[in-house]
Amino acid sequence: NVSGTLLEGIALWGELKPLLTHEALVERALRYCDL
């Protein structure tokens, strides 16, 4: 997020959503839960 704004963050999340996989979502979430 170059601008650091809320709206660019939402747009960036929109770019990321098609690239998401079930396995990666679970893995990142479990790592965060460990933390």
Full PDB file with SEQRES, HELIX, SHEET, SSBOND, CRYST1, ORIGX, SCALE, CONECT and MASTER records, all heavy atoms in Angstrom:
SEQRES   1 A   35  ASN VAL SER GLY THR LEU LEU GLU GLY ILE ALA LEU TRP          
SEQRES   2 A   35  GLY GLU LEU LYS PRO LEU LEU THR HIS GLU ALA LEU VAL          
SEQRES   3 A   35  GLU ARG ALA LEU ARG TYR CYS ASP LEU                          
HELIX    1 AA1 LEU A    6  LEU A   16  1                                  11    
HELIX    2 AA2 LYS A   17  LEU A   19  5                                   3    
HELIX    3 AA3 HIS A   22  ASP A   34  1                                  13    
CRYST1    1.000    1.000    1.000  90.00  90.00  90.00 P 1           1          
ORIGX1      1.000000  0.000000  0.000000        0.00000                         
ORIGX2      0.000000  1.000000  0.000000        0.00000                         
ORIGX3      0.000000  0.000000  1.000000        0.00000                         
SCALE1      1.000000  0.000000  0.000000        0.00000                         
SCALE2      0.000000  1.000000  0.000000        0.00000                         
SCALE3      0.000000  0.000000  1.000000        0.00000                         
ATOM      1  N   ASN A   1       0.864  -1.183   0.000  1.00  0.00           N  
ATOM      2  CA  ASN A   1       0.000   0.000   0.000  1.00  0.00           C  
ATOM      3  C   ASN A   1       0.899   1.231   0.000  1.00  0.00           C  
ATOM      4  O   ASN A   1       1.477   1.592   1.029  1.00  0.00           O  
ATOM      5  CB  ASN A   1      -0.900  -0.032   1.243  1.00  0.00           C  
ATOM      6  CG  ASN A   1      -1.912   1.102   1.269  1.00  0.00           C  
ATOM      7  OD1 ASN A   1      -1.728   2.150   0.661  1.00  0.00           O  
ATOM      8  ND2 ASN A   1      -2.995   0.896   2.012  1.00  0.00           N  
ATOM      9  N   VAL A   2       1.038   1.876  -1.155  1.00  0.00           N  
ATOM     10  CA  VAL A   2       1.991   2.981  -1.297  1.00  0.00           C  
ATOM     11  C   VAL A   2       1.485   4.245  -0.612  1.00  0.00           C  
ATOM     12  O   VAL A   2       2.220   4.936   0.086  1.00  0.00           O  
ATOM     13  CB  VAL A   2       2.282   3.262  -2.789  1.00  0.00           C  
ATOM     14  CG1 VAL A   2       3.212   4.475  -2.945  1.00  0.00           C  
ATOM     15  CG2 VAL A   2       2.901   2.038  -3.444  1.00  0.00           C  
ATOM     16  N   SER A   3       0.204   4.549  -0.761  1.00  0.00           N  
ATOM     17  CA  SER A   3      -0.345   5.775  -0.190  1.00  0.00           C  
ATOM     18  C   SER A   3      -0.613   5.651   1.306  1.00  0.00           C  
ATOM     19  O   SER A   3      -0.687   6.654   2.018  1.00  0.00           O  
ATOM     20  CB  SER A   3      -1.648   6.144  -0.897  1.00  0.00           C  
ATOM     21  OG  SER A   3      -2.686   5.214  -0.578  1.00  0.00           O  
ATOM     22  N   GLY A   4      -0.773   4.425   1.771  1.00  0.00           N  
ATOM     23  CA  GLY A   4      -1.097   4.208   3.169  1.00  0.00           C  
ATOM     24  C   GLY A   4      -2.529   4.519   3.536  1.00  0.00           C  
ATOM     25  O   GLY A   4      -2.865   4.603   4.719  1.00  0.00           O  
ATOM     26  N   THR A   5      -3.404   4.668   2.555  1.00  0.00           N  
ATOM     27  CA  THR A   5      -4.785   5.066   2.829  1.00  0.00           C  
ATOM     28  C   THR A   5      -5.700   3.853   2.957  1.00  0.00           C  
ATOM     29  O   THR A   5      -5.398   2.753   2.484  1.00  0.00           O  
ATOM     30  CB  THR A   5      -5.328   5.965   1.710  1.00  0.00           C  
ATOM     31  OG1 THR A   5      -5.330   5.226   0.482  1.00  0.00           O  
ATOM     32  CG2 THR A   5      -4.486   7.229   1.557  1.00  0.00           C  
ATOM     33  N   LEU A   6      -6.847   4.113   3.588  1.00  0.00           N  
ATOM     34  CA  LEU A   6      -7.862   3.077   3.727  1.00  0.00           C  
ATOM     35  C   LEU A   6      -8.342   2.604   2.357  1.00  0.00           C  
ATOM     36  O   LEU A   6      -8.467   1.399   2.106  1.00  0.00           O  
ATOM     37  CB  LEU A   6      -9.038   3.622   4.532  1.00  0.00           C  
ATOM     38  CG  LEU A   6     -10.297   2.762   4.593  1.00  0.00           C  
ATOM     39  CD1 LEU A   6     -10.025   1.466   5.340  1.00  0.00           C  
ATOM     40  CD2 LEU A   6     -11.442   3.522   5.257  1.00  0.00           C  
ATOM     41  N   LEU A   7      -8.592   3.546   1.450  1.00  0.00           N  
ATOM     42  CA  LEU A   7      -9.161   3.182   0.159  1.00  0.00           C  
ATOM     43  C   LEU A   7      -8.175   2.378  -0.688  1.00  0.00           C  
ATOM     44  O   LEU A   7      -8.575   1.433  -1.376  1.00  0.00           O  
ATOM     45  CB  LEU A   7      -9.620   4.435  -0.586  1.00  0.00           C  
ATOM     46  CG  LEU A   7     -10.819   5.155   0.043  1.00  0.00           C  
ATOM     47  CD1 LEU A   7     -11.201   6.385  -0.773  1.00  0.00           C  
ATOM     48  CD2 LEU A   7     -12.012   4.217   0.183  1.00  0.00           C  
ATOM     49  N   GLU A   8      -6.882   2.707  -0.626  1.00  0.00           N  
ATOM     50  CA  GLU A   8      -5.925   1.882  -1.361  1.00  0.00           C  
ATOM     51  C   GLU A   8      -5.825   0.501  -0.729  1.00  0.00           C  
ATOM     52  O   GLU A   8      -5.649  -0.500  -1.430  1.00  0.00           O  
ATOM     53  CB  GLU A   8      -4.536   2.516  -1.430  1.00  0.00           C  
ATOM     54  CG  GLU A   8      -3.594   1.675  -2.290  1.00  0.00           C  
ATOM     55  CD  GLU A   8      -2.219   2.269  -2.507  1.00  0.00           C  
ATOM     56  OE1 GLU A   8      -1.976   3.420  -2.096  1.00  0.00           O  
ATOM     57  OE2 GLU A   8      -1.376   1.563  -3.104  1.00  0.00           O  
ATOM     58  N   GLY A   9      -5.951   0.433   0.595  1.00  0.00           N  
ATOM     59  CA  GLY A   9      -5.953  -0.871   1.250  1.00  0.00           C  
ATOM     60  C   GLY A   9      -7.105  -1.733   0.788  1.00  0.00           C  
ATOM     61  O   GLY A   9      -6.937  -2.935   0.536  1.00  0.00           O  
ATOM     62  N   ILE A  10      -8.302  -1.130   0.663  1.00  0.00           N  
ATOM     63  CA  ILE A  10      -9.461  -1.882   0.173  1.00  0.00           C  
ATOM     64  C   ILE A  10      -9.237  -2.334  -1.264  1.00  0.00           C  
ATOM     65  O   ILE A  10      -9.534  -3.479  -1.635  1.00  0.00           O  
ATOM     66  CB  ILE A  10     -10.730  -1.027   0.298  1.00  0.00           C  
ATOM     67  CG1 ILE A  10     -11.076  -0.795   1.776  1.00  0.00           C  
ATOM     68  CG2 ILE A  10     -11.911  -1.698  -0.413  1.00  0.00           C  
ATOM     69  CD1 ILE A  10     -12.231   0.155   2.011  1.00  0.00           C  
ATOM     70  N   ALA A  11      -8.686  -1.435  -2.090  1.00  0.00           N  
ATOM     71  CA  ALA A  11      -8.399  -1.790  -3.483  1.00  0.00           C  
ATOM     72  C   ALA A  11      -7.358  -2.907  -3.562  1.00  0.00           C  
ATOM     73  O   ALA A  11      -7.489  -3.844  -4.369  1.00  0.00           O  
ATOM     74  CB  ALA A  11      -7.913  -0.560  -4.241  1.00  0.00           C  
ATOM     75  N   LEU A  12      -6.347  -2.831  -2.714  1.00  0.00           N  
ATOM     76  CA  LEU A  12      -5.298  -3.844  -2.701  1.00  0.00           C  
ATOM     77  C   LEU A  12      -5.848  -5.198  -2.257  1.00  0.00           C  
ATOM     78  O   LEU A  12      -5.501  -6.244  -2.818  1.00  0.00           O  
ATOM     79  CB  LEU A  12      -4.171  -3.382  -1.769  1.00  0.00           C  
ATOM     80  CG  LEU A  12      -2.980  -4.305  -1.570  1.00  0.00           C  
ATOM     81  CD1 LEU A  12      -2.387  -4.741  -2.899  1.00  0.00           C  
ATOM     82  CD2 LEU A  12      -1.921  -3.605  -0.721  1.00  0.00           C  
ATOM     83  N   TRP A  13      -6.731  -5.188  -1.264  1.00  0.00           N  
ATOM     84  CA  TRP A  13      -7.378  -6.431  -0.835  1.00  0.00           C  
ATOM     85  C   TRP A  13      -8.191  -7.016  -1.986  1.00  0.00           C  
ATOM     86  O   TRP A  13      -8.224  -8.236  -2.179  1.00  0.00           O  
ATOM     87  CB  TRP A  13      -8.252  -6.158   0.379  1.00  0.00           C  
ATOM     88  CG  TRP A  13      -9.082  -7.309   0.848  1.00  0.00           C  
ATOM     89  CD1 TRP A  13     -10.437  -7.364   0.918  1.00  0.00           C  
ATOM     90  CD2 TRP A  13      -8.625  -8.572   1.349  1.00  0.00           C  
ATOM     91  NE1 TRP A  13     -10.871  -8.563   1.425  1.00  0.00           N  
ATOM     92  CE2 TRP A  13      -9.779  -9.339   1.695  1.00  0.00           C  
ATOM     93  CE3 TRP A  13      -7.365  -9.132   1.532  1.00  0.00           C  
ATOM     94  CZ2 TRP A  13      -9.692 -10.626   2.217  1.00  0.00           C  
ATOM     95  CZ3 TRP A  13      -7.287 -10.435   2.048  1.00  0.00           C  
ATOM     96  CH2 TRP A  13      -8.432 -11.156   2.378  1.00  0.00           C  
ATOM     97  N   GLY A  14      -8.813  -6.146  -2.798  1.00  0.00           N  
ATOM     98  CA  GLY A  14      -9.544  -6.617  -3.970  1.00  0.00           C  
ATOM     99  C   GLY A  14      -8.633  -7.287  -4.972  1.00  0.00           C  
ATOM    100  O   GLY A  14      -9.027  -8.264  -5.633  1.00  0.00           O  
ATOM    101  N   GLU A  15      -7.404  -6.797  -5.102  1.00  0.00           N  
ATOM    102  CA  GLU A  15      -6.425  -7.431  -6.005  1.00  0.00           C  
ATOM    103  C   GLU A  15      -5.947  -8.772  -5.449  1.00  0.00           C  
ATOM    104  O   GLU A  15      -5.636  -9.702  -6.209  1.00  0.00           O  
ATOM    105  CB  GLU A  15      -5.222  -6.501  -6.200  1.00  0.00           C  
ATOM    106  CG  GLU A  15      -5.542  -5.190  -6.899  1.00  0.00           C  
ATOM    107  CD  GLU A  15      -4.362  -4.238  -6.904  1.00  0.00           C  
ATOM    108  OE1 GLU A  15      -3.206  -4.727  -6.787  1.00  0.00           O  
ATOM    109  OE2 GLU A  15      -4.572  -3.011  -6.989  1.00  0.00           O  
ATOM    110  N   LEU A  16      -5.881  -8.853  -4.133  1.00  0.00           N  
ATOM    111  CA  LEU A  16      -5.363 -10.070  -3.520  1.00  0.00           C  
ATOM    112  C   LEU A  16      -6.389 -11.204  -3.513  1.00  0.00           C  
ATOM    113  O   LEU A  16      -6.026 -12.386  -3.631  1.00  0.00           O  
ATOM    114  CB  LEU A  16      -4.911  -9.759  -2.076  1.00  0.00           C  
ATOM    115  CG  LEU A  16      -4.422 -10.925  -1.220  1.00  0.00           C  
ATOM    116  CD1 LEU A  16      -3.251 -11.639  -1.891  1.00  0.00           C  
ATOM    117  CD2 LEU A  16      -4.022 -10.423   0.168  1.00  0.00           C  
ATOM    118  N   LYS A  17      -7.679 -10.860  -3.390  1.00  0.00           N  
ATOM    119  CA  LYS A  17      -8.702 -11.901  -3.219  1.00  0.00           C  
ATOM    120  C   LYS A  17      -8.670 -12.993  -4.296  1.00  0.00           C  
ATOM    121  O   LYS A  17      -8.785 -14.181  -3.954  1.00  0.00           O  
ATOM    122  CB  LYS A  17     -10.094 -11.254  -3.138  1.00  0.00           C  
ATOM    123  CG  LYS A  17     -10.428 -10.731  -1.752  1.00  0.00           C  
ATOM    124  CD  LYS A  17     -11.886 -10.371  -1.587  1.00  0.00           C  
ATOM    125  CE  LYS A  17     -12.260  -9.096  -2.278  1.00  0.00           C  
ATOM    126  NZ  LYS A  17     -13.632  -8.636  -1.911  1.00  0.00           N  
ATOM    127  N   PRO A  18      -8.505 -12.657  -5.576  1.00  0.00           N  
ATOM    128  CA  PRO A  18      -8.472 -13.738  -6.573  1.00  0.00           C  
ATOM    129  C   PRO A  18      -7.270 -14.668  -6.419  1.00  0.00           C  
ATOM    130  O   PRO A  18      -7.270 -15.784  -6.963  1.00  0.00           O  
ATOM    131  CB  PRO A  18      -8.407 -12.982  -7.908  1.00  0.00           C  
ATOM    132  CG  PRO A  18      -8.904 -11.611  -7.614  1.00  0.00           C  
ATOM    133  CD  PRO A  18      -8.482 -11.323  -6.225  1.00  0.00           C  
ATOM    134  N   LEU A  19      -6.244 -14.227  -5.699  1.00  0.00           N  
ATOM    135  CA  LEU A  19      -5.023 -15.011  -5.539  1.00  0.00           C  
ATOM    136  C   LEU A  19      -5.041 -15.870  -4.278  1.00  0.00           C  
ATOM    137  O   LEU A  19      -4.144 -16.685  -4.067  1.00  0.00           O  
ATOM    138  CB  LEU A  19      -3.807 -14.080  -5.492  1.00  0.00           C  
ATOM    139  CG  LEU A  19      -3.681 -13.061  -6.635  1.00  0.00           C  
ATOM    140  CD1 LEU A  19      -2.469 -12.171  -6.407  1.00  0.00           C  
ATOM    141  CD2 LEU A  19      -3.580 -13.777  -7.977  1.00  0.00           C  
ATOM    142  N   LEU A  20      -6.053 -15.690  -3.431  1.00  0.00           N  
ATOM    143  CA  LEU A  20      -6.105 -16.414  -2.166  1.00  0.00           C  
ATOM    144  C   LEU A  20      -6.358 -17.905  -2.382  1.00  0.00           C  
ATOM    145  O   LEU A  20      -7.059 -18.298  -3.317  1.00  0.00           O  
ATOM    146  CB  LEU A  20      -7.213 -15.848  -1.279  1.00  0.00           C  
ATOM    147  CG  LEU A  20      -7.062 -14.402  -0.809  1.00  0.00           C  
ATOM    148  CD1 LEU A  20      -8.322 -13.956  -0.076  1.00  0.00           C  
ATOM    149  CD2 LEU A  20      -5.845 -14.244   0.094  1.00  0.00           C  
ATOM    150  N   THR A  21      -5.796 -18.699  -1.506  1.00  0.00           N  
ATOM    151  CA  THR A  21      -6.091 -20.134  -1.481  1.00  0.00           C  
ATOM    152  C   THR A  21      -6.507 -20.522  -0.064  1.00  0.00           C  
ATOM    153  O   THR A  21      -6.118 -19.873   0.915  1.00  0.00           O  
ATOM    154  CB  THR A  21      -4.878 -20.980  -1.892  1.00  0.00           C  
ATOM    155  OG1 THR A  21      -3.847 -20.849  -0.887  1.00  0.00           O  
ATOM    156  CG2 THR A  21      -4.336 -20.542  -3.243  1.00  0.00           C  
ATOM    157  N   HIS A  22      -7.283 -21.561   0.024  1.00  0.00           N  
ATOM    158  CA  HIS A  22      -7.744 -22.040   1.325  1.00  0.00           C  
ATOM    159  C   HIS A  22      -6.554 -22.356   2.228  1.00  0.00           C  
ATOM    160  O   HIS A  22      -6.522 -21.957   3.399  1.00  0.00           O  
ATOM    161  CB  HIS A  22      -8.607 -23.289   1.122  1.00  0.00           C  
ATOM    162  CG  HIS A  22      -9.139 -23.881   2.381  1.00  0.00           C  
ATOM    163  ND1 HIS A  22     -10.373 -23.550   2.897  1.00  0.00           N  
ATOM    164  CD2 HIS A  22      -8.603 -24.798   3.249  1.00  0.00           C  
ATOM    165  CE1 HIS A  22     -10.583 -24.228   4.015  1.00  0.00           C  
ATOM    166  NE2 HIS A  22      -9.530 -24.987   4.247  1.00  0.00           N  
ATOM    167  N   GLU A  23      -5.573 -23.047   1.677  1.00  0.00           N  
ATOM    168  CA  GLU A  23      -4.431 -23.491   2.467  1.00  0.00           C  
ATOM    169  C   GLU A  23      -3.634 -22.312   3.013  1.00  0.00           C  
ATOM    170  O   GLU A  23      -3.233 -22.300   4.189  1.00  0.00           O  
ATOM    171  CB  GLU A  23      -3.516 -24.399   1.628  1.00  0.00           C  
ATOM    172  CG  GLU A  23      -4.130 -25.725   1.225  1.00  0.00           C  
ATOM    173  CD  GLU A  23      -5.178 -25.598   0.124  1.00  0.00           C  
ATOM    174  OE1 GLU A  23      -5.179 -24.561  -0.586  1.00  0.00           O  
ATOM    175  OE2 GLU A  23      -6.000 -26.534  -0.022  1.00  0.00           O  
ATOM    176  N   ALA A  24      -3.413 -21.297   2.173  1.00  0.00           N  
ATOM    177  CA  ALA A  24      -2.632 -20.139   2.616  1.00  0.00           C  
ATOM    178  C   ALA A  24      -3.389 -19.335   3.670  1.00  0.00           C  
ATOM    179  O   ALA A  24      -2.794 -18.843   4.637  1.00  0.00           O  
ATOM    180  CB  ALA A  24      -2.275 -19.255   1.425  1.00  0.00           C  
ATOM    181  N   LEU A  25      -4.695 -19.195   3.493  1.00  0.00           N  
ATOM    182  CA  LEU A  25      -5.501 -18.483   4.486  1.00  0.00           C  
ATOM    183  C   LEU A  25      -5.431 -19.174   5.842  1.00  0.00           C  
ATOM    184  O   LEU A  25      -5.240 -18.525   6.876  1.00  0.00           O  
ATOM    185  CB  LEU A  25      -6.959 -18.406   4.027  1.00  0.00           C  
ATOM    186  CG  LEU A  25      -7.297 -17.366   2.955  1.00  0.00           C  
ATOM    187  CD1 LEU A  25      -8.630 -17.701   2.302  1.00  0.00           C  
ATOM    188  CD2 LEU A  25      -7.346 -15.968   3.569  1.00  0.00           C  
ATOM    189  N   VAL A  26      -5.592 -20.479   5.844  1.00  0.00           N  
ATOM    190  CA  VAL A  26      -5.545 -21.230   7.102  1.00  0.00           C  
ATOM    191  C   VAL A  26      -4.171 -21.128   7.734  1.00  0.00           C  
ATOM    192  O   VAL A  26      -4.035 -20.893   8.949  1.00  0.00           O  
ATOM    193  CB  VAL A  26      -5.926 -22.711   6.862  1.00  0.00           C  
ATOM    194  CG1 VAL A  26      -5.643 -23.550   8.104  1.00  0.00           C  
ATOM    195  CG2 VAL A  26      -7.392 -22.823   6.462  1.00  0.00           C  
ATOM    196  N   GLU A  27      -3.124 -21.274   6.920  1.00  0.00           N  
ATOM    197  CA  GLU A  27      -1.758 -21.263   7.456  1.00  0.00           C  
ATOM    198  C   GLU A  27      -1.428 -19.924   8.090  1.00  0.00           C  
ATOM    199  O   GLU A  27      -0.880 -19.865   9.199  1.00  0.00           O  
ATOM    200  CB  GLU A  27      -0.771 -21.586   6.324  1.00  0.00           C  
ATOM    201  CG  GLU A  27       0.660 -21.818   6.786  1.00  0.00           C  
ATOM    202  CD  GLU A  27       1.508 -20.547   6.811  1.00  0.00           C  
ATOM    203  OE1 GLU A  27       1.150 -19.583   6.090  1.00  0.00           O  
ATOM    204  OE2 GLU A  27       2.520 -20.511   7.543  1.00  0.00           O  
ATOM    205  N   ARG A  28      -1.771 -18.815   7.422  1.00  0.00           N  
ATOM    206  CA  ARG A  28      -1.470 -17.494   7.981  1.00  0.00           C  
ATOM    207  C   ARG A  28      -2.278 -17.241   9.253  1.00  0.00           C  
ATOM    208  O   ARG A  28      -1.769 -16.692  10.232  1.00  0.00           O  
ATOM    209  CB  ARG A  28      -1.731 -16.405   6.945  1.00  0.00           C  
ATOM    210  CG  ARG A  28      -0.682 -16.319   5.853  1.00  0.00           C  
ATOM    211  CD  ARG A  28      -0.781 -15.021   5.073  1.00  0.00           C  
ATOM    212  NE  ARG A  28      -1.976 -14.948   4.254  1.00  0.00           N  
ATOM    213  CZ  ARG A  28      -2.025 -15.264   2.961  1.00  0.00           C  
ATOM    214  NH1 ARG A  28      -0.942 -15.707   2.344  1.00  0.00           N  
ATOM    215  NH2 ARG A  28      -3.157 -15.150   2.278  1.00  0.00           N  
ATOM    216  N   ALA A  29      -3.536 -17.636   9.239  1.00  0.00           N  
ATOM    217  CA  ALA A  29      -4.379 -17.419  10.415  1.00  0.00           C  
ATOM    218  C   ALA A  29      -3.877 -18.213  11.616  1.00  0.00           C  
ATOM    219  O   ALA A  29      -3.848 -17.705  12.748  1.00  0.00           O  
ATOM    220  CB  ALA A  29      -5.822 -17.784  10.103  1.00  0.00           C  
ATOM    221  N   LEU A  30      -3.461 -19.461  11.399  1.00  0.00           N  
ATOM    222  CA  LEU A  30      -2.953 -20.264  12.507  1.00  0.00           C  
ATOM    223  C   LEU A  30      -1.639 -19.694  13.040  1.00  0.00           C  
ATOM    224  O   LEU A  30      -1.396 -19.708  14.261  1.00  0.00           O  
ATOM    225  CB  LEU A  30      -2.755 -21.713  12.061  1.00  0.00           C  
ATOM    226  CG  LEU A  30      -4.035 -22.511  11.820  1.00  0.00           C  
ATOM    227  CD1 LEU A  30      -3.713 -23.894  11.272  1.00  0.00           C  
ATOM    228  CD2 LEU A  30      -4.858 -22.637  13.109  1.00  0.00           C  
ATOM    229  N   ARG A  31      -0.800 -19.189  12.162  1.00  0.00           N  
ATOM    230  CA  ARG A  31       0.440 -18.552  12.621  1.00  0.00           C  
ATOM    231  C   ARG A  31       0.119 -17.342  13.479  1.00  0.00           C  
ATOM    232  O   ARG A  31       0.765 -17.097  14.506  1.00  0.00           O  
ATOM    233  CB  ARG A  31       1.298 -18.137  11.424  1.00  0.00           C  
ATOM    234  CG  ARG A  31       2.050 -19.281  10.751  1.00  0.00           C  
ATOM    235  CD  ARG A  31       2.750 -18.807   9.481  1.00  0.00           C  
ATOM    236  NE  ARG A  31       3.616 -17.674   9.733  1.00  0.00           N  
ATOM    237  CZ  ARG A  31       3.882 -16.708   8.831  1.00  0.00           C  
ATOM    238  NH1 ARG A  31       3.304 -16.750   7.645  1.00  0.00           N  
ATOM    239  NH2 ARG A  31       4.692 -15.731   9.134  1.00  0.00           N  
ATOM    240  N   TYR A  32      -0.894 -16.572  13.078  1.00  0.00           N  
ATOM    241  CA  TYR A  32      -1.260 -15.416  13.890  1.00  0.00           C  
ATOM    242  C   TYR A  32      -1.812 -15.869  15.239  1.00  0.00           C  
ATOM    243  O   TYR A  32      -1.523 -15.249  16.272  1.00  0.00           O  
ATOM    244  CB  TYR A  32      -2.281 -14.529  13.177  1.00  0.00           C  
ATOM    245  CG  TYR A  32      -2.608 -13.316  14.028  1.00  0.00           C  
ATOM    246  CD1 TYR A  32      -1.715 -12.245  14.088  1.00  0.00           C  
ATOM    247  CD2 TYR A  32      -3.746 -13.265  14.825  1.00  0.00           C  
ATOM    248  CE1 TYR A  32      -1.963 -11.157  14.910  1.00  0.00           C  
ATOM    249  CE2 TYR A  32      -4.006 -12.185  15.652  1.00  0.00           C  
ATOM    250  CZ  TYR A  32      -3.104 -11.129  15.687  1.00  0.00           C  
ATOM    251  OH  TYR A  32      -3.354 -10.066  16.517  1.00  0.00           O  
ATOM    252  N   CYS A  33      -2.582 -16.918  15.254  1.00  0.00           N  
ATOM    253  CA  CYS A  33      -3.126 -17.408  16.523  1.00  0.00           C  
ATOM    254  C   CYS A  33      -2.019 -17.877  17.459  1.00  0.00           C  
ATOM    255  O   CYS A  33      -2.123 -17.705  18.685  1.00  0.00           O  
ATOM    256  CB  CYS A  33      -4.139 -18.520  16.266  1.00  0.00           C  
ATOM    257  SG  CYS A  33      -5.697 -17.931  15.534  1.00  0.00           S  
ATOM    258  N   ASP A  34      -0.960 -18.463  16.921  1.00  0.00           N  
ATOM    259  CA  ASP A  34       0.194 -18.812  17.747  1.00  0.00           C  
ATOM    260  C   ASP A  34       0.764 -17.558  18.410  1.00  0.00           C  
ATOM    261  O   ASP A  34       1.070 -17.551  19.610  1.00  0.00           O  
ATOM    262  CB  ASP A  34       1.290 -19.476  16.903  1.00  0.00           C  
ATOM    263  CG  ASP A  34       0.877 -20.804  16.313  1.00  0.00           C  
ATOM    264  OD1 ASP A  34      -0.086 -21.414  16.820  1.00  0.00           O  
ATOM    265  OD2 ASP A  34       1.524 -21.236  15.336  1.00  0.00           O  
ATOM    266  N   LEU A  35       0.926 -16.510  17.616  1.00  0.00           N  
ATOM    267  CA  LEU A  35       1.438 -15.243  18.140  1.00  0.00           C  
ATOM    268  C   LEU A  35       0.496 -14.693  19.200  1.00  0.00           C  
ATOM    269  O   LEU A  35       0.930 -14.213  20.260  1.00  0.00           O  
ATOM    270  CB  LEU A  35       1.591 -14.239  16.994  1.00  0.00           C  
ATOM    271  CG  LEU A  35       2.027 -12.820  17.353  1.00  0.00           C  
ATOM    272  CD1 LEU A  35       3.423 -12.823  17.972  1.00  0.00           C  
ATOM    273  CD2 LEU A  35       1.983 -11.918  16.121  1.00  0.00           C  
TER     274      LEU A  35                                                      
MASTER        0    0    0    3    0    0    0    6  273    1    0    3          
END                                                                             
